[in-house]
Amino acid sequence: MTDISRHLRFALGLLVATTLFGTFGYMIIEGWGLLDATYMTVITMTTVGYGEVHTMSYTGRVFTIFLVAMGAVSFLYVTSALVQFLVETQIRTIFGRRVLDKKIKQMTDHYIVCGYGRIGLVLCNSFRAHGIEPVVIEKEQSRIEQMESENILHISGDATEEDILLRAGVSHARVLIAALATDTDNVFLVLTARQLNPDIFILARASSVKARAKLFAAGANRVESPYEVGAVSMAQRLLRPSVTSFLDLVFTYNRKDIQMDEIPVEESSPLAGVMLKDSGIRQKYNLIIIAVKTPDGEMLFNPSHETLIRPGDTVIAMGKTDNLAELEKELQPNGAKKVYQ
């Protein structure tokens, strides 16, 4: 695209240069004013045949012949550059859209983010930082252009429409985030997505307390209010500044020295059925086990060294990113899917 744009700019520059050349040429050779010289240059280059502005000298007529040839070449060059720019831009847009649609069509167990506003943008940045490539549905053109510049998989359209959700692969997606601008749109989106995929995990945004019940009734698994979460976070920063600073440090995804992660335990894991004291997690990976979540949702905080690691449990550990990755390989030899609750 850069080469095409440069070619078009050069063509337009050539046209302007030819016009200036003709204007100053008539002013110098014939002694005409700026308006007459410009007018004569334009009608000569466009070959409209209006006739001479004033009677010209022999030198002026020779100059006019030369200017006609230059004008014809300039206009031809500009026309070809403009046609090339329009055609190639259209071809690239169509081809790029087809490649994008094909890639989305082949995705399974993926994340769909509906709405690329302030919340959707932060969600996508967090997902991509963790190696998850989401599919975004957005209808605002300015946001679509932003996603194109950031190489984010996206579909242009209304997320509440069934055909748009199907294009995004909702029938075989793992998670859908309803982060549209209004509660009404989110309720309708959740209802439609649940009908298309009864097993998908749906996280919905609510702007008001009244919308919570409606979103749950429509089929959302979890409902979050950014305003409530933000208010609680602000309060905690005042009441527990050291704790919140520590959590900010842990959840900053661009740090490698300390992270917190949750890892499901597969039945085929060599640590399944082993007590924490015998697992060697602390010695081999230098990790701290914060909690163990059982399949029924019970959370065992600061588990004792005699806690048994069972298949289906989720181990919540903290430490270096590389060490967490090594533990994940041991707990998930086959790459188990994360269970959402």
Protein backbone atom coordinates (compact mmCIF):
# COMPACT_ATOMS: atom_id res chain seq x y z
CA MET A 1 0.00 0.00 0.00
CA THR A 2 2.90 2.36 0.72
CA ASP A 3 4.35 1.93 -2.81
CA ILE A 4 0.96 2.66 -4.40
CA SER A 5 0.46 5.80 -2.30
CA ARG A 6 3.97 7.01 -3.13
CA HIS A 7 3.29 6.44 -6.83
CA LEU A 8 0.05 8.45 -6.65
CA ARG A 9 1.71 11.31 -4.73
CA PHE A 10 4.48 11.46 -7.33
CA ALA A 11 1.91 11.63 -10.14
CA LEU A 12 0.02 14.48 -8.47
CA GLY A 13 3.30 16.26 -7.78
CA LEU A 14 4.21 15.97 -11.46
CA LEU A 15 0.87 17.51 -12.46
CA VAL A 16 1.34 20.43 -10.08
CA ALA A 17 4.92 20.96 -11.26
CA THR A 18 3.81 21.01 -14.90
CA THR A 19 1.09 23.56 -14.11
CA LEU A 20 3.57 25.82 -12.32
CA PHE A 21 6.06 25.39 -15.15
CA GLY A 22 3.46 26.51 -17.71
CA THR A 23 2.22 29.43 -15.61
CA PHE A 24 5.65 30.91 -14.99
CA GLY A 25 6.64 30.17 -18.58
CA TYR A 26 3.83 32.35 -19.98
CA MET A 27 4.53 35.05 -17.41
CA ILE A 28 8.20 35.20 -18.44
CA ILE A 29 7.85 34.70 -22.20
CA GLU A 30 4.68 36.71 -22.86
CA GLY A 31 4.72 39.01 -19.84
CA TRP A 32 1.16 38.04 -18.82
CA GLY A 33 -0.32 38.35 -15.36
CA LEU A 34 -0.73 35.41 -13.00
CA LEU A 35 -4.42 34.81 -13.77
CA ASP A 36 -4.01 34.91 -17.56
CA ALA A 37 -0.92 32.69 -17.42
CA THR A 38 -2.62 30.15 -15.17
CA TYR A 39 -5.77 30.13 -17.27
CA MET A 40 -3.79 29.60 -20.49
CA THR A 41 -1.77 26.81 -18.86
CA VAL A 42 -4.89 24.94 -17.68
CA ILE A 43 -6.77 25.13 -21.01
CA THR A 44 -3.59 24.12 -22.85
CA MET A 45 -2.87 21.10 -20.63
CA THR A 46 -6.50 19.95 -20.75
CA THR A 47 -6.68 20.60 -24.54
CA VAL A 48 -10.16 22.15 -24.29
CA GLY A 49 -9.47 24.41 -27.27
CA TYR A 50 -10.80 27.75 -26.00
CA GLY A 51 -8.21 29.66 -27.98
CA GLU A 52 -5.40 31.99 -26.98
CA VAL A 53 -5.91 34.48 -24.16
CA HIS A 54 -3.77 37.04 -26.00
CA THR A 55 -1.89 36.97 -29.25
CA MET A 56 1.29 35.02 -28.65
CA SER A 57 4.79 35.40 -29.99
CA TYR A 58 6.67 32.75 -31.95
CA THR A 59 8.48 31.65 -28.79
CA GLY A 60 5.18 31.48 -26.91
CA ARG A 61 3.64 29.19 -29.51
CA VAL A 62 6.63 26.85 -29.43
CA PHE A 63 6.35 26.82 -25.64
CA THR A 64 2.62 26.01 -25.95
CA ILE A 65 3.35 22.99 -28.18
CA PHE A 66 5.84 21.75 -25.62
CA LEU A 67 3.34 22.37 -22.79
CA VAL A 68 0.58 20.41 -24.58
CA ALA A 69 2.85 17.38 -24.77
CA MET A 70 3.88 17.74 -21.12
CA GLY A 71 0.26 18.17 -20.01
CA ALA A 72 -0.91 15.09 -21.90
CA VAL A 73 1.84 12.97 -20.35
CA SER A 74 1.11 14.33 -16.87
CA PHE A 75 -2.65 13.70 -17.09
CA LEU A 76 -2.09 10.21 -18.49
CA TYR A 77 0.34 9.41 -15.70
CA VAL A 78 -2.02 10.74 -13.02
CA THR A 79 -4.96 8.80 -14.46
CA SER A 80 -3.03 5.53 -14.55
CA ALA A 81 -1.74 6.06 -10.99
CA LEU A 82 -5.23 6.87 -9.71
CA VAL A 83 -6.77 3.81 -11.38
CA GLN A 84 -3.98 1.60 -10.04
CA PHE A 85 -4.48 3.00 -6.53
CA LEU A 86 -8.25 2.42 -6.55
CA VAL A 87 -8.10 -1.05 -8.10
CA GLU A 88 -5.25 -2.40 -5.98
CA THR A 89 -6.75 -0.94 -2.80
CA GLN A 90 -10.06 -2.63 -3.53
CA ILE A 91 -8.37 -5.93 -4.38
CA ARG A 92 -6.30 -5.86 -1.20
CA THR A 93 -9.36 -5.06 0.88
CA ILE A 94 -11.38 -7.92 -0.62
CA PHE A 95 -8.48 -10.38 -0.46
CA GLY A 96 -7.59 -9.37 3.09
CA ARG A 97 -11.20 -9.77 4.22
CA ARG A 98 -11.39 -13.25 2.69
CA VAL A 99 -8.17 -14.32 4.39
CA LEU A 100 -9.49 -12.94 7.68
CA ASP A 101 -12.83 -14.73 7.32
CA LYS A 102 -11.10 -17.99 6.45
CA LYS A 103 -8.86 -17.77 9.51
CA ILE A 104 -11.83 -17.03 11.79
CA LYS A 105 -13.81 -19.89 10.26
CA GLN A 106 -11.03 -22.34 11.13
CA MET A 107 -10.85 -21.25 14.79
CA THR A 108 -12.30 -23.39 17.59
CA ASP A 109 -12.52 -22.86 21.36
CA HIS A 110 -11.73 -19.20 20.81
CA TYR A 111 -12.77 -15.99 22.55
CA ILE A 112 -15.28 -13.56 21.03
CA VAL A 113 -15.30 -9.96 22.25
CA CYS A 114 -18.40 -8.00 21.27
CA GLY A 115 -17.59 -4.30 21.32
CA TYR A 116 -14.19 -2.64 20.97
CA GLY A 117 -14.79 0.32 23.26
CA ARG A 118 -12.74 1.12 26.33
CA ILE A 119 -13.51 -2.22 27.98
CA GLY A 120 -13.13 -4.29 24.82
CA LEU A 121 -9.77 -2.70 24.05
CA VAL A 122 -8.37 -3.54 27.50
CA LEU A 123 -9.73 -7.09 27.27
CA CYS A 124 -8.13 -7.68 23.89
CA ASN A 125 -4.77 -6.33 25.05
CA SER A 126 -4.85 -8.64 28.08
CA PHE A 127 -5.84 -11.68 26.02
CA ARG A 128 -3.14 -11.07 23.41
CA ALA A 129 -0.53 -10.57 26.11
CA HIS A 130 -1.36 -14.10 27.29
CA GLY A 131 -1.16 -15.59 23.79
CA ILE A 132 -4.93 -15.63 23.17
CA GLU A 133 -6.07 -14.20 19.84
CA PRO A 134 -9.68 -12.99 20.24
CA VAL A 135 -12.23 -12.32 17.52
CA VAL A 136 -13.82 -8.88 17.89
CA ILE A 137 -17.22 -7.83 16.58
CA GLU A 138 -17.55 -4.06 16.09
CA LYS A 139 -19.63 -1.78 13.86
CA GLU A 140 -17.93 1.60 14.40
CA GLN A 141 -15.67 2.34 11.40
CA SER A 142 -13.06 4.27 13.40
CA ARG A 143 -12.59 1.33 15.76
CA ILE A 144 -12.40 -1.10 12.84
CA GLU A 145 -9.58 0.93 11.31
CA GLN A 146 -7.78 0.85 14.66
CA MET A 147 -8.10 -2.95 14.82
CA GLU A 148 -6.82 -3.27 11.27
CA SER A 149 -3.72 -1.27 12.18
CA GLU A 150 -3.17 -3.55 15.19
CA ASN A 151 -3.79 -6.79 13.22
CA ILE A 152 -6.70 -7.85 15.42
CA LEU A 153 -9.08 -10.47 14.06
CA HIS A 154 -12.41 -8.71 13.64
CA ILE A 155 -15.79 -8.72 11.94
CA SER A 156 -17.62 -5.55 10.99
CA GLY A 157 -21.26 -5.63 11.96
CA ASP A 158 -23.88 -5.61 14.71
CA ALA A 159 -23.05 -8.23 17.35
CA THR A 160 -26.75 -8.69 18.18
CA GLU A 161 -27.41 -10.11 14.71
CA GLU A 162 -27.39 -13.88 14.39
CA ASP A 163 -25.50 -14.07 11.09
CA ILE A 164 -22.70 -11.86 12.45
CA LEU A 165 -22.28 -14.12 15.50
CA LEU A 166 -22.19 -17.17 13.24
CA ARG A 167 -19.48 -15.55 11.11
CA ALA A 168 -17.48 -15.04 14.30
CA GLY A 169 -17.77 -18.78 15.02
CA VAL A 170 -20.03 -18.54 18.07
CA SER A 171 -21.25 -22.12 17.54
CA HIS A 172 -17.76 -23.50 18.31
CA ALA A 173 -16.31 -20.72 20.48
CA ARG A 174 -15.37 -21.20 24.13
CA VAL A 175 -16.05 -17.73 25.56
CA LEU A 176 -18.15 -14.73 24.55
CA ILE A 177 -17.80 -11.33 26.23
CA ALA A 178 -20.79 -9.02 25.85
CA ALA A 179 -19.27 -5.53 26.20
CA LEU A 180 -21.66 -3.47 24.08
CA ALA A 181 -22.58 0.10 24.95
CA THR A 182 -26.06 -0.49 26.41
CA ASP A 183 -27.59 -3.09 28.73
CA THR A 184 -30.41 -3.66 26.25
CA ASP A 185 -27.98 -4.63 23.49
CA ASN A 186 -26.06 -6.89 25.86
CA VAL A 187 -29.25 -8.69 26.98
CA PHE A 188 -30.30 -9.30 23.38
CA LEU A 189 -26.74 -10.41 22.49
CA VAL A 190 -26.57 -12.88 25.39
CA LEU A 191 -29.98 -14.31 24.52
CA THR A 192 -29.00 -14.82 20.86
CA ALA A 193 -25.56 -16.29 21.66
CA ARG A 194 -27.02 -18.73 24.20
CA GLN A 195 -29.50 -20.01 21.62
CA LEU A 196 -26.73 -20.51 19.06
CA ASN A 197 -24.37 -22.25 21.51
CA PRO A 198 -25.85 -23.64 24.74
CA ASP A 199 -22.38 -24.59 26.06
CA ILE A 200 -20.51 -21.33 25.54
CA PHE A 201 -19.34 -19.38 28.62
CA ILE A 202 -20.78 -15.87 28.50
CA LEU A 203 -19.39 -12.97 30.49
CA ALA A 204 -21.60 -9.88 30.24
CA ARG A 205 -21.11 -6.26 31.15
CA ALA A 206 -23.83 -4.51 33.15
CA SER A 207 -24.13 -0.76 33.54
CA SER A 208 -26.83 -0.95 36.20
CA VAL A 209 -27.87 -3.25 39.03
CA LYS A 210 -31.28 -3.84 37.40
CA ALA A 211 -29.63 -5.28 34.31
CA ARG A 212 -27.90 -8.07 36.26
CA ALA A 213 -31.01 -10.21 36.69
CA LYS A 214 -32.00 -9.75 33.05
CA LEU A 215 -28.54 -10.77 31.82
CA PHE A 216 -28.54 -13.87 34.01
CA ALA A 217 -32.05 -14.73 32.81
CA ALA A 218 -30.93 -14.28 29.19
CA GLY A 219 -28.18 -16.88 29.73
CA ALA A 220 -25.05 -15.12 31.00
CA ASN A 221 -22.76 -17.21 33.20
CA ARG A 222 -21.24 -14.19 34.88
CA VAL A 223 -22.13 -10.52 34.97
CA GLU A 224 -19.67 -7.79 35.87
CA SER A 225 -20.20 -4.07 36.40
CA PRO A 226 -17.08 -2.04 35.52
CA TYR A 227 -18.36 0.85 37.61
CA GLU A 228 -18.76 -1.27 40.74
CA VAL A 229 -15.42 -2.97 40.21
CA GLY A 230 -13.76 0.39 39.66
CA ALA A 231 -15.34 1.88 42.78
CA VAL A 232 -14.29 -1.08 44.93
CA SER A 233 -10.76 -0.88 43.52
CA MET A 234 -10.55 2.84 44.36
CA ALA A 235 -11.72 2.15 47.91
CA GLN A 236 -9.20 -0.65 48.37
CA ARG A 237 -6.38 1.59 47.18
CA LEU A 238 -7.20 3.95 50.02
CA LEU A 239 -7.88 1.30 52.67
CA ARG A 240 -5.22 -1.25 51.69
CA PRO A 241 -2.62 0.57 49.55
CA SER A 242 0.15 -2.01 50.06
CA VAL A 243 -2.11 -4.93 49.19
CA THR A 244 -3.41 -3.29 46.02
CA SER A 245 0.12 -2.31 44.98
CA PHE A 246 1.18 -5.93 45.38
CA LEU A 247 -1.78 -7.18 43.34
CA ASP A 248 -1.03 -4.63 40.62
CA LEU A 249 2.51 -5.98 40.53
CA VAL A 250 1.31 -9.58 40.26
CA PHE A 251 -1.27 -8.91 37.54
CA THR A 252 0.93 -6.69 35.38
CA TYR A 253 1.18 -8.93 32.33
CA ASN A 254 4.38 -7.38 30.96
CA ARG A 255 6.41 -8.50 33.98
CA LYS A 256 8.29 -11.80 33.86
CA ASP A 257 9.67 -11.99 37.39
CA ILE A 258 6.32 -12.49 39.17
CA GLN A 259 2.92 -13.66 37.97
CA MET A 260 -0.13 -15.45 39.34
CA ASP A 261 -1.92 -18.10 37.32
CA GLU A 262 -4.51 -20.85 37.68
CA ILE A 263 -3.78 -24.29 36.25
CA PRO A 264 -6.34 -27.13 36.03
CA VAL A 265 -5.11 -30.61 36.96
CA GLU A 266 -5.55 -33.34 34.36
CA GLU A 267 -6.20 -36.93 35.34
CA SER A 268 -3.09 -37.94 33.39
CA SER A 269 -0.88 -35.54 35.35
CA PRO A 270 1.94 -37.22 37.31
CA LEU A 271 1.00 -34.99 40.26
CA ALA A 272 -2.65 -36.15 40.35
CA GLY A 273 -3.24 -37.94 43.66
CA VAL A 274 -0.02 -36.57 45.18
CA MET A 275 0.17 -34.46 48.33
CA LEU A 276 1.64 -30.98 48.08
CA LYS A 277 4.55 -31.94 50.35
CA ASP A 278 5.48 -34.75 47.96
CA SER A 279 4.86 -32.86 44.73
CA GLY A 280 8.18 -31.00 44.71
CA ILE A 281 6.49 -27.88 43.30
CA ARG A 282 8.27 -25.58 45.72
CA GLN A 283 11.68 -27.20 45.26
CA LYS A 284 11.62 -27.69 41.47
CA TYR A 285 9.78 -24.57 40.34
CA ASN A 286 10.20 -22.14 43.26
CA LEU A 287 6.46 -21.42 43.22
CA ILE A 288 4.05 -20.48 45.98
CA ILE A 289 0.70 -22.30 46.02
CA ILE A 290 -1.86 -19.64 46.94
CA ALA A 291 -4.97 -21.83 46.81
CA VAL A 292 -6.51 -24.98 45.40
CA LYS A 293 -9.99 -24.84 43.90
CA THR A 294 -11.97 -28.09 43.94
CA PRO A 295 -14.33 -29.15 41.12
CA ASP A 296 -17.38 -28.24 43.25
CA GLY A 297 -16.12 -24.64 43.59
CA GLU A 298 -14.68 -24.81 47.11
CA MET A 299 -11.58 -22.64 47.50
CA LEU A 300 -8.82 -23.91 49.82
CA PHE A 301 -6.68 -20.87 50.66
CA ASN A 302 -3.13 -21.40 51.87
CA PRO A 303 -3.49 -25.20 51.58
CA SER A 304 -1.55 -27.33 54.04
CA HIS A 305 1.37 -29.48 52.93
CA GLU A 306 -0.89 -32.56 53.29
CA THR A 307 -3.45 -31.26 50.77
CA LEU A 308 -4.03 -33.83 48.04
CA ILE A 309 -3.85 -32.67 44.40
CA ARG A 310 -6.84 -34.30 42.75
CA PRO A 311 -7.82 -34.52 39.08
CA GLY A 312 -10.23 -31.67 38.28
CA ASP A 313 -8.71 -29.36 40.89
CA THR A 314 -7.36 -25.96 39.86
CA VAL A 315 -4.03 -24.97 41.37
CA ILE A 316 -3.49 -21.23 41.87
CA ALA A 317 0.24 -20.53 42.00
CA MET A 318 2.50 -17.50 42.03
CA GLY A 319 6.06 -17.11 40.80
CA LYS A 320 8.11 -16.51 37.66
CA THR A 321 6.43 -16.86 34.30
CA ASP A 322 8.82 -19.56 33.05
CA ASN A 323 8.33 -21.64 36.20
CA LEU A 324 4.56 -21.36 35.92
CA ALA A 325 4.80 -22.58 32.35
CA GLU A 326 6.82 -25.63 33.48
CA LEU A 327 4.25 -26.45 36.18
CA GLU A 328 1.47 -26.13 33.62
CA LYS A 329 3.16 -28.77 31.46
CA GLU A 330 3.27 -31.15 34.42
CA LEU A 331 -0.31 -30.55 35.52
CA GLN A 332 -1.66 -30.51 31.96
CA PRO A 333 0.24 -33.03 29.85
CA ASN A 334 -2.53 -32.94 27.25
CA GLY A 335 -3.35 -29.22 27.52
CA ALA A 336 -6.64 -29.33 29.42
CA LYS A 337 -9.22 -26.64 28.82
CA LYS A 338 -9.87 -24.09 31.54
CA VAL A 339 -13.21 -24.55 33.29
CA TYR A 340 -15.15 -21.31 33.86
CA GLN A 341 -17.42 -20.82 36.85
